[in-house]
């Protein structure tokens, strides 16, 4: 996702994606970090949703690309679940 967002011809903003990775950190009330082994992405969750830090999860949501290169690329999480060993 990050690689494609760096290329002008590949706009990733608002694309719906499914990512599998480990929640590595809780930054604040509604912001987490997810690592899939190839890189990390900021997760923005709705109020009241808590992700399990240290666990592998499947997250679904849309990409929120940095506007005019200000800020970070984020994933607006719409739903999540623990990763099933068979995934």
Protein backbone atom coordinates (compact mmCIF):
# COMPACT_ATOMS: atom_id res chain seq x y z
CA UNK A 1 0.00 0.00 0.00
CA UNK A 2 2.75 2.42 0.98
CA UNK A 3 4.75 1.59 -2.15
CA UNK A 4 1.75 2.21 -4.40
CA UNK A 5 0.89 5.48 -2.65
CA UNK A 6 4.36 6.80 -3.49
CA UNK A 7 3.69 6.43 -7.22
CA UNK A 8 1.66 9.23 -8.79
CA UNK A 9 -0.15 6.85 -11.15
CA UNK A 10 -1.41 4.59 -8.37
CA UNK A 11 -3.86 6.50 -6.19
CA UNK A 12 -4.72 4.38 -3.16
CA UNK A 13 -6.83 6.91 -1.25
CA UNK A 14 -10.24 5.51 -0.24
CA UNK A 15 -9.42 2.01 -1.55
CA UNK A 16 -11.01 -0.76 0.51
CA UNK A 17 -8.45 -3.29 1.76
CA UNK A 18 -8.08 -6.28 4.03
CA UNK A 19 -4.83 -6.53 5.98
CA UNK A 20 -3.49 -9.28 8.22
CA UNK A 21 -0.83 -8.46 10.77
CA UNK A 22 0.16 -7.97 14.37
CA UNK A 23 -1.07 -5.00 16.38
CA UNK A 24 2.26 -3.73 17.67
CA UNK A 25 1.32 -0.60 19.63
CA UNK A 26 -1.52 1.55 20.89
CA UNK A 27 -0.64 5.18 20.21
CA UNK A 28 -3.71 6.80 21.73
CA UNK A 29 -7.41 6.15 22.34
CA UNK A 30 -8.26 5.41 18.70
CA UNK A 31 -4.88 4.92 16.99
CA UNK A 32 -2.84 1.73 16.71
CA UNK A 33 0.09 0.42 14.68
CA UNK A 34 -0.15 -2.76 12.59
CA UNK A 35 2.83 -4.64 11.15
CA UNK A 36 2.45 -7.33 8.49
CA UNK A 37 6.13 -8.24 8.34
CA UNK A 38 6.80 -6.05 5.28
CA UNK A 39 5.99 -2.70 6.88
CA UNK A 40 3.74 -0.87 9.31
CA UNK A 41 0.60 1.19 8.95
CA UNK A 42 -1.36 3.42 11.31
CA UNK A 43 -4.85 2.14 12.15
CA UNK A 44 -7.58 4.65 12.99
CA UNK A 45 -10.51 2.98 14.81
CA UNK A 46 -13.90 4.32 15.86
CA UNK A 47 -14.52 5.37 19.46
CA UNK A 48 -15.18 2.40 21.70
CA UNK A 49 -13.27 -0.12 19.56
CA UNK A 50 -10.18 -1.63 21.16
CA UNK A 51 -7.69 -3.79 19.31
CA UNK A 52 -5.63 -6.44 21.13
CA UNK A 53 -2.00 -5.27 21.22
CA UNK A 54 0.36 -8.16 20.55
CA UNK A 55 -2.22 -10.26 18.70
CA UNK A 56 -2.52 -11.04 14.97
CA UNK A 57 -5.70 -9.62 13.48
CA UNK A 58 -7.54 -9.26 10.20
CA UNK A 59 -8.65 -5.65 9.64
CA UNK A 60 -10.93 -4.28 6.95
CA UNK A 61 -11.20 -0.64 6.02
CA UNK A 62 -10.35 2.14 3.62
CA UNK A 63 -7.05 3.86 3.03
CA UNK A 64 -6.72 7.49 4.09
CA UNK A 65 -3.77 8.81 2.12
CA UNK A 66 -1.72 11.75 3.41
CA UNK A 67 -3.06 15.00 1.94
CA UNK A 68 -0.39 16.99 0.12
CA UNK A 69 2.19 14.75 1.85
CA UNK A 70 1.12 16.09 5.26
CA UNK A 71 0.50 13.36 7.81
CA UNK A 72 0.75 9.61 7.44
CA UNK A 73 -0.99 7.04 5.36
CA UNK A 74 -3.65 5.44 7.58
CA UNK A 75 -6.23 2.71 7.46
CA UNK A 76 -9.69 3.71 8.68
CA UNK A 77 -10.77 0.43 10.29
CA UNK A 78 -14.39 -0.59 9.71
CA UNK A 79 -14.17 -4.08 11.19
CA UNK A 80 -11.66 -6.49 12.63
CA UNK A 81 -11.31 -9.99 14.03
CA UNK A 82 -8.58 -12.17 15.47
CA UNK A 83 -6.67 -14.05 12.80
CA UNK A 84 -7.84 -17.62 12.43
CA UNK A 85 -4.95 -20.09 12.20
CA UNK A 86 -6.41 -21.31 8.90
CA UNK A 87 -6.28 -17.80 7.28
